């Protein structure tokens, strides 16, 4: 059987494991990590930047790209994350805030204390906006990963039923009319596909050494962010 190469958004276990492996593969691996981080985190960080008190620093897109270019060229940045056993989301948002502080301090060296205060009190609205956009992108990534796995394992119809019910909002009688699947059977099929999605979502938020209750808490935080 040929070796499978996962897409950047579909990981074989956790992002921690996948990123660690990519980083050991040298520059091509680091580029794959950068591509993934930009796909998942660039937009949430831009939204945070536009809403925080340091938005006067410049264009949000340029600042986020500058953050990635600065931090990800430092070998220690992701190495420290791998050692920290912290969620990647938390590591990146804290790192980005520090980056903004550094940029602001360069522009206003004589006001370093007031800039630090701005970072500390950037406002929960900007943080909530970041969390909401991050949650949307991570859920979308997990949906894509689960769909791929269903199709690769002969469960394409199960996924279609799940999507029709959970995403499109169809009841099982309507699904029966559309796909010709008995409603009771459709419930079982949707549950099977839903389990694949839940597994993909857990893998996406997990970090090295995380307990089940910590992963549950991270997923709960995602769901709460989506409801904001």
C-alpha atoms as a PDB file:
ATOM      1  CA  UNK A   1       0.000   0.000   0.000  1.00  0.00           C
ATOM      2  CA  UNK A   2       1.466   3.424  -0.919  1.00  0.00           C
ATOM      3  CA  UNK A   3       2.318   5.767   1.898  1.00  0.00           C
ATOM      4  CA  UNK A   4      -0.376   8.347   2.579  1.00  0.00           C
ATOM      5  CA  UNK A   5       0.609  12.011   2.794  1.00  0.00           C
ATOM      6  CA  UNK A   6      -1.880  14.001   4.888  1.00  0.00           C
ATOM      7  CA  UNK A   7      -3.067  17.377   3.746  1.00  0.00           C
ATOM      8  CA  UNK A   8      -1.904  20.300   5.918  1.00  0.00           C
ATOM      9  CA  UNK A   9      -5.382  20.428   7.487  1.00  0.00           C
ATOM     10  CA  UNK A  10      -5.727  16.670   8.091  1.00  0.00           C
ATOM     11  CA  UNK A  11      -3.405  15.304  10.741  1.00  0.00           C
ATOM     12  CA  UNK A  12      -2.724  11.642  11.570  1.00  0.00           C
ATOM     13  CA  UNK A  13      -2.791  12.308  15.317  1.00  0.00           C
ATOM     14  CA  UNK A  14      -2.359  15.726  16.909  1.00  0.00           C
ATOM     15  CA  UNK A  15      -0.959  18.949  15.547  1.00  0.00           C
ATOM     16  CA  UNK A  16       1.764  18.644  18.169  1.00  0.00           C
ATOM     17  CA  UNK A  17       2.872  15.307  16.681  1.00  0.00           C
ATOM     18  CA  UNK A  18       2.518  16.490  13.096  1.00  0.00           C
ATOM     19  CA  UNK A  19       4.354  19.776  13.625  1.00  0.00           C
ATOM     20  CA  UNK A  20       7.149  18.063  15.538  1.00  0.00           C
ATOM     21  CA  UNK A  21       7.653  15.605  12.680  1.00  0.00           C
ATOM     22  CA  UNK A  22       7.610  18.339  10.047  1.00  0.00           C
ATOM     23  CA  UNK A  23      10.160  20.408  11.945  1.00  0.00           C
ATOM     24  CA  UNK A  24      12.522  17.427  12.081  1.00  0.00           C
ATOM     25  CA  UNK A  25      12.285  17.180   8.285  1.00  0.00           C
ATOM     26  CA  UNK A  26      14.177  20.444   7.802  1.00  0.00           C
ATOM     27  CA  UNK A  27      13.207  23.411   5.664  1.00  0.00           C
ATOM     28  CA  UNK A  28      10.473  21.670   3.611  1.00  0.00           C
ATOM     29  CA  UNK A  29       8.824  20.571   6.842  1.00  0.00           C
ATOM     30  CA  UNK A  30       9.052  24.041   8.353  1.00  0.00           C
ATOM     31  CA  UNK A  31       7.462  25.458   5.215  1.00  0.00           C
ATOM     32  CA  UNK A  32       4.584  22.978   5.563  1.00  0.00           C
ATOM     33  CA  UNK A  33       4.113  24.152   9.168  1.00  0.00           C
ATOM     34  CA  UNK A  34       4.138  27.800   8.089  1.00  0.00           C
ATOM     35  CA  UNK A  35       1.547  27.054   5.403  1.00  0.00           C
ATOM     36  CA  UNK A  36      -0.711  25.390   7.955  1.00  0.00           C
ATOM     37  CA  UNK A  37      -0.361  28.168  10.500  1.00  0.00           C
ATOM     38  CA  UNK A  38      -1.185  30.790   7.893  1.00  0.00           C
ATOM     39  CA  UNK A  39      -4.248  28.815   6.782  1.00  0.00           C
ATOM     40  CA  UNK A  40      -5.669  28.427  10.275  1.00  0.00           C
ATOM     41  CA  UNK A  41      -4.353  31.403  12.248  1.00  0.00           C
ATOM     42  CA  UNK A  42      -3.679  34.311   9.890  1.00  0.00           C
ATOM     43  CA  UNK A  43      -7.289  35.497   9.651  1.00  0.00           C
ATOM     44  CA  UNK A  44      -8.031  35.177  13.404  1.00  0.00           C
ATOM     45  CA  UNK A  45      -4.865  37.119  14.235  1.00  0.00           C
ATOM     46  CA  UNK A  46      -5.748  39.813  11.693  1.00  0.00           C
ATOM     47  CA  UNK A  47      -9.207  40.165  13.236  1.00  0.00           C
ATOM     48  CA  UNK A  48      -7.646  40.434  16.689  1.00  0.00           C
ATOM     49  CA  UNK A  49      -5.233  43.096  15.437  1.00  0.00           C
ATOM     50  CA  UNK A  50      -7.993  45.201  13.874  1.00  0.00           C
ATOM     51  CA  UNK A  51      -9.898  45.212  17.145  1.00  0.00           C
ATOM     52  CA  UNK A  52      -7.083  45.758  19.635  1.00  0.00           C
ATOM     53  CA  UNK A  53      -5.722  49.055  20.904  1.00  0.00           C
ATOM     54  CA  UNK A  54      -2.491  48.706  18.915  1.00  0.00           C
ATOM     55  CA  UNK A  55      -4.164  48.685  15.505  1.00  0.00           C
ATOM     56  CA  UNK A  56      -2.456  52.043  14.868  1.00  0.00           C
ATOM     57  CA  UNK A  57       0.763  50.107  14.234  1.00  0.00           C
ATOM     58  CA  UNK A  58      -0.181  49.404  10.626  1.00  0.00           C
ATOM     59  CA  UNK A  59      -2.047  47.094   8.290  1.00  0.00           C
ATOM     60  CA  UNK A  60      -3.219  43.976  10.121  1.00  0.00           C
ATOM     61  CA  UNK A  61      -2.248  41.673   7.265  1.00  0.00           C
ATOM     62  CA  UNK A  62       1.289  43.091   7.187  1.00  0.00           C
ATOM     63  CA  UNK A  63       1.642  42.795  10.962  1.00  0.00           C
ATOM     64  CA  UNK A  64       0.530  39.152  10.985  1.00  0.00           C
ATOM     65  CA  UNK A  65       2.871  38.299   8.135  1.00  0.00           C
ATOM     66  CA  UNK A  66       5.644  40.092   9.957  1.00  0.00           C
ATOM     67  CA  UNK A  67       4.884  38.101  13.100  1.00  0.00           C
ATOM     68  CA  UNK A  68       5.064  34.781  11.255  1.00  0.00           C
ATOM     69  CA  UNK A  69       8.230  35.799   9.390  1.00  0.00           C
ATOM     70  CA  UNK A  70       9.911  36.953  12.607  1.00  0.00           C
ATOM     71  CA  UNK A  71       8.916  34.159  14.980  1.00  0.00           C
ATOM     72  CA  UNK A  72       8.937  31.170  12.661  1.00  0.00           C
ATOM     73  CA  UNK A  73      12.449  31.918  11.463  1.00  0.00           C
ATOM     74  CA  UNK A  74      13.521  31.428  15.065  1.00  0.00           C
ATOM     75  CA  UNK A  75      14.031  27.720  15.593  1.00  0.00           C
ATOM     76  CA  UNK A  76      13.366  28.116  19.301  1.00  0.00           C
ATOM     77  CA  UNK A  77       9.850  29.546  18.884  1.00  0.00           C
ATOM     78  CA  UNK A  78       8.027  26.343  17.956  1.00  0.00           C
ATOM     79  CA  UNK A  79      10.542  24.211  19.847  1.00  0.00           C
ATOM     80  CA  UNK A  80       9.514  26.011  23.032  1.00  0.00           C
ATOM     81  CA  UNK A  81       5.866  25.428  22.167  1.00  0.00           C
ATOM     82  CA  UNK A  82       6.530  21.701  21.706  1.00  0.00           C
ATOM     83  CA  UNK A  83       8.141  21.658  25.147  1.00  0.00           C
ATOM     84  CA  UNK A  84       5.464  23.791  26.790  1.00  0.00           C
ATOM     85  CA  UNK A  85       2.539  21.337  26.533  1.00  0.00           C
ATOM     86  CA  UNK A  86       0.250  24.306  25.868  1.00  0.00           C
ATOM     87  CA  UNK A  87      -2.481  24.694  23.225  1.00  0.00           C
ATOM     88  CA  UNK A  88      -1.064  26.155  20.016  1.00  0.00           C
ATOM     89  CA  UNK A  89      -3.842  28.766  19.945  1.00  0.00           C
ATOM     90  CA  UNK A  90      -2.737  30.183  23.297  1.00  0.00           C
ATOM     91  CA  UNK A  91       0.946  30.084  22.334  1.00  0.00           C
ATOM     92  CA  UNK A  92       0.382  32.029  19.121  1.00  0.00           C
ATOM     93  CA  UNK A  93      -1.951  34.716  20.483  1.00  0.00           C
ATOM     94  CA  UNK A  94       0.395  35.452  23.388  1.00  0.00           C
ATOM     95  CA  UNK A  95       3.343  35.482  21.011  1.00  0.00           C
ATOM     96  CA  UNK A  96       1.497  37.860  18.681  1.00  0.00           C
ATOM     97  CA  UNK A  97       0.696  40.247  21.530  1.00  0.00           C
ATOM     98  CA  UNK A  98       4.364  40.278  22.488  1.00  0.00           C
ATOM     99  CA  UNK A  99       5.275  40.947  18.857  1.00  0.00           C
ATOM    100  CA  UNK A 100       2.878  43.916  18.740  1.00  0.00           C
ATOM    101  CA  UNK A 101       4.392  45.230  21.954  1.00  0.00           C
ATOM    102  CA  UNK A 102       7.861  45.029  20.415  1.00  0.00           C
ATOM    103  CA  UNK A 103       6.710  46.885  17.305  1.00  0.00           C
ATOM    104  CA  UNK A 104       5.029  49.578  19.363  1.00  0.00           C
ATOM    105  CA  UNK A 105       8.036  49.976  21.629  1.00  0.00           C
ATOM    106  CA  UNK A 106      10.274  50.552  18.614  1.00  0.00           C
ATOM    107  CA  UNK A 107       7.989  53.358  17.494  1.00  0.00           C
ATOM    108  CA  UNK A 108       7.458  54.873  20.932  1.00  0.00           C
ATOM    109  CA  UNK A 109      10.490  53.976  23.019  1.00  0.00           C
ATOM    110  CA  UNK A 110       9.808  56.695  25.538  1.00  0.00           C
ATOM    111  CA  UNK A 111       6.336  55.325  26.261  1.00  0.00           C
ATOM    112  CA  UNK A 112       7.121  51.670  26.877  1.00  0.00           C
ATOM    113  CA  UNK A 113       5.146  51.515  30.128  1.00  0.00           C
ATOM    114  CA  UNK A 114       1.967  52.895  28.596  1.00  0.00           C
ATOM    115  CA  UNK A 115       2.290  50.502  25.645  1.00  0.00           C
ATOM    116  CA  UNK A 116       2.589  47.554  28.005  1.00  0.00           C
ATOM    117  CA  UNK A 117      -0.616  48.741  29.638  1.00  0.00           C
ATOM    118  CA  UNK A 118      -2.296  48.845  26.220  1.00  0.00           C
ATOM    119  CA  UNK A 119      -1.366  45.208  25.642  1.00  0.00           C
ATOM    120  CA  UNK A 120      -2.621  44.184  29.064  1.00  0.00           C
ATOM    121  CA  UNK A 121      -5.916  45.974  28.511  1.00  0.00           C
ATOM    122  CA  UNK A 122      -6.345  45.435  24.785  1.00  0.00           C
ATOM    123  CA  UNK A 123      -9.975  44.613  25.397  1.00  0.00           C
ATOM    124  CA  UNK A 124     -11.873  41.367  25.608  1.00  0.00           C
ATOM    125  CA  UNK A 125     -13.767  42.175  22.405  1.00  0.00           C
ATOM    126  CA  UNK A 126     -10.589  41.729  20.330  1.00  0.00           C
ATOM    127  CA  UNK A 127      -9.780  38.480  22.142  1.00  0.00           C
ATOM    128  CA  UNK A 128     -13.316  37.206  21.610  1.00  0.00           C
ATOM    129  CA  UNK A 129     -13.142  38.087  17.918  1.00  0.00           C
ATOM    130  CA  UNK A 130      -9.897  36.108  17.638  1.00  0.00           C
ATOM    131  CA  UNK A 131     -11.403  33.107  19.440  1.00  0.00           C
ATOM    132  CA  UNK A 132     -14.537  33.179  17.280  1.00  0.00           C
ATOM    133  CA  UNK A 133     -12.651  33.285  13.971  1.00  0.00           C
ATOM    134  CA  UNK A 134     -10.161  30.670  15.161  1.00  0.00           C
ATOM    135  CA  UNK A 135     -13.033  28.375  16.174  1.00  0.00           C
ATOM    136  CA  UNK A 136     -14.702  28.776  12.773  1.00  0.00           C
ATOM    137  CA  UNK A 137     -11.518  27.905  10.931  1.00  0.00           C
ATOM    138  CA  UNK A 138     -10.625  24.972  13.163  1.00  0.00           C
ATOM    139  CA  UNK A 139     -14.112  23.471  12.901  1.00  0.00           C
ATOM    140  CA  UNK A 140     -13.991  23.898   9.111  1.00  0.00           C
ATOM    141  CA  UNK A 141     -10.588  22.192   9.063  1.00  0.00           C
ATOM    142  CA  UNK A 142     -11.896  19.298  11.172  1.00  0.00           C
ATOM    143  CA  UNK A 143     -14.927  18.942   8.880  1.00  0.00           C
ATOM    144  CA  UNK A 144     -12.640  18.678   5.859  1.00  0.00           C
ATOM    145  CA  UNK A 145     -10.424  16.129   7.608  1.00  0.00           C
ATOM    146  CA  UNK A 146     -13.427  14.022   8.690  1.00  0.00           C
ATOM    147  CA  UNK A 147     -14.947  14.172   5.219  1.00  0.00           C
ATOM    148  CA  UNK A 148     -11.681  12.970   3.675  1.00  0.00           C
ATOM    149  CA  UNK A 149     -11.456  10.097   6.135  1.00  0.00           C
ATOM    150  CA  UNK A 150     -15.046   9.064   5.512  1.00  0.00           C
ATOM    151  CA  UNK A 151     -14.543   9.046   1.766  1.00  0.00           C
ATOM    152  CA  UNK A 152     -11.255   7.162   2.080  1.00  0.00           C
ATOM    153  CA  UNK A 153     -12.880   4.454   4.223  1.00  0.00           C
ATOM    154  CA  UNK A 154     -16.025   3.858   2.183  1.00  0.00           C
ATOM    155  CA  UNK A 155     -18.276   6.075   4.304  1.00  0.00           C
ATOM    156  CA  UNK A 156     -18.958   8.785   1.723  1.00  0.00           C
ATOM    157  CA  UNK A 157     -22.726   8.285   1.942  1.00  0.00           C
ATOM    158  CA  UNK A 158     -22.557   8.414   5.732  1.00  0.00           C
ATOM    159  CA  UNK A 159     -20.844  11.787   5.447  1.00  0.00           C
ATOM    160  CA  UNK A 160     -23.428  13.099   2.992  1.00  0.00           C
ATOM    161  CA  UNK A 161     -26.212  12.139   5.409  1.00  0.00           C
ATOM    162  CA  UNK A 162     -24.387  13.750   8.343  1.00  0.00           C
ATOM    163  CA  UNK A 163     -23.760  16.947   6.381  1.00  0.00           C
ATOM    164  CA  UNK A 164     -27.360  17.104   5.171  1.00  0.00           C
ATOM    165  CA  UNK A 165     -28.635  16.806   8.749  1.00  0.00           C
ATOM    166  CA  UNK A 166     -26.054  18.775  10.757  1.00  0.00           C
ATOM    167  CA  UNK A 167     -24.970  21.418   8.244  1.00  0.00           C
ATOM    168  CA  UNK A 168     -27.914  21.789   5.881  1.00  0.00           C
ATOM    169  CA  UNK A 169     -30.505  21.301   8.640  1.00  0.00           C
ATOM    170  CA  UNK A 170     -32.582  18.620   6.918  1.00  0.00           C
ATOM    171  CA  UNK A 171     -34.695  16.286   9.029  1.00  0.00           C
ATOM    172  CA  UNK A 172     -34.342  12.561   8.486  1.00  0.00           C
ATOM    173  CA  UNK A 173     -37.556  12.275   6.478  1.00  0.00           C
ATOM    174  CA  UNK A 174     -36.213  14.869   4.030  1.00  0.00           C
ATOM    175  CA  UNK A 175     -32.938  12.961   3.896  1.00  0.00           C
ATOM    176  CA  UNK A 176     -34.922   9.825   3.065  1.00  0.00           C
ATOM    177  CA  UNK A 177     -36.546  11.647   0.152  1.00  0.00           C
ATOM    178  CA  UNK A 178     -33.217  13.031  -1.085  1.00  0.00           C
ATOM    179  CA  UNK A 179     -30.961   9.985  -0.646  1.00  0.00           C
ATOM    180  CA  UNK A 180     -33.415   7.106  -0.360  1.00  0.00           C
ATOM    181  CA  UNK A 181     -32.024   6.159   3.051  1.00  0.00           C
ATOM    182  CA  UNK A 182     -34.426   4.808   5.670  1.00  0.00           C
ATOM    183  CA  UNK A 183     -34.707   7.418   8.486  1.00  0.00           C
ATOM    184  CA  UNK A 184     -33.623   4.940  11.169  1.00  0.00           C
ATOM    185  CA  UNK A 185     -30.645   3.920   9.081  1.00  0.00           C
ATOM    186  CA  UNK A 186     -29.856   7.582   8.418  1.00  0.00           C
ATOM    187  CA  UNK A 187     -29.608   8.237  12.151  1.00  0.00           C
ATOM    188  CA  UNK A 188     -26.979   5.506  12.489  1.00  0.00           C
ATOM    189  CA  UNK A 189     -25.072   6.715   9.420  1.00  0.00           C
ATOM    190  CA  UNK A 190     -25.033  10.307  10.643  1.00  0.00           C
ATOM    191  CA  UNK A 191     -23.818   9.175  14.063  1.00  0.00           C
ATOM    192  CA  UNK A 192     -20.940   7.246  12.479  1.00  0.00           C
ATOM    193  CA  UNK A 193     -19.826  10.272  10.449  1.00  0.00           C
ATOM    194  CA  UNK A 194     -20.296  12.541  13.459  1.00  0.00           C
ATOM    195  CA  UNK A 195     -17.911  10.338  15.435  1.00  0.00           C
ATOM    196  CA  UNK A 196     -15.290  10.838  12.690  1.00  0.00           C
ATOM    197  CA  UNK A 197     -15.797  14.591  12.948  1.00  0.00           C
ATOM    198  CA  UNK A 198     -15.495  14.565  16.729  1.00  0.00           C
ATOM    199  CA  UNK A 199     -12.272  12.561  16.470  1.00  0.00           C
ATOM    200  CA  UNK A 200     -10.841  15.012  13.923  1.00  0.00           C
ATOM    201  CA  UNK A 201     -11.779  17.954  16.128  1.00  0.00           C
ATOM    202  CA  UNK A 202     -10.158  16.392  19.183  1.00  0.00           C
ATOM    203  CA  UNK A 203      -6.983  15.742  17.223  1.00  0.00           C
ATOM    204  CA  UNK A 204      -6.979  19.334  16.003  1.00  0.00           C
ATOM    205  CA  UNK A 205      -7.159  20.870  19.487  1.00  0.00           C
ATOM    206  CA  UNK A 206      -5.069  18.324  21.405  1.00  0.00           C
ATOM    207  CA  UNK A 207      -1.538  18.979  22.574  1.00  0.00           C
ATOM    208  CA  UNK A 208       1.167  16.754  23.991  1.00  0.00           C
ATOM    209  CA  UNK A 209       0.251  15.473  27.430  1.00  0.00           C
ATOM    210  CA  UNK A 210      -3.264  16.941  27.388  1.00  0.00           C
ATOM    211  CA  UNK A 211      -5.787  15.116  29.560  1.00  0.00           C
ATOM    212  CA  UNK A 212      -9.213  14.190  28.195  1.00  0.00           C
ATOM    213  CA  UNK A 213     -10.886  16.778  30.407  1.00  0.00           C
ATOM    214  CA  UNK A 214      -8.501  19.481  29.132  1.00  0.00           C
ATOM    215  CA  UNK A 215      -9.329  18.595  25.524  1.00  0.00           C
ATOM    216  CA  UNK A 216     -13.033  18.613  26.423  1.00  0.00           C
ATOM    217  CA  UNK A 217     -12.577  22.069  27.914  1.00  0.00           C
ATOM    218  CA  UNK A 218     -10.818  23.333  24.782  1.00  0.00           C
ATOM    219  CA  UNK A 219     -13.660  22.038  22.596  1.00  0.00           C
ATOM    220  CA  UNK A 220     -16.214  23.611  24.920  1.00  0.00           C
ATOM    221  CA  UNK A 221     -14.375  26.924  24.593  1.00  0.00           C
ATOM    222  CA  UNK A 222     -14.559  26.588  20.805  1.00  0.00           C
ATOM    223  CA  UNK A 223     -18.308  26.027  20.910  1.00  0.00           C
ATOM    224  CA  UNK A 224     -18.792  28.989  23.246  1.00  0.00           C
ATOM    225  CA  UNK A 225     -16.718  31.195  20.938  1.00  0.00           C
ATOM    226  CA  UNK A 226     -18.908  30.227  17.985  1.00  0.00           C
ATOM    227  CA  UNK A 227     -21.986  31.297  19.929  1.00  0.00           C
ATOM    228  CA  UNK A 228     -20.595  34.774  20.685  1.00  0.00           C
END
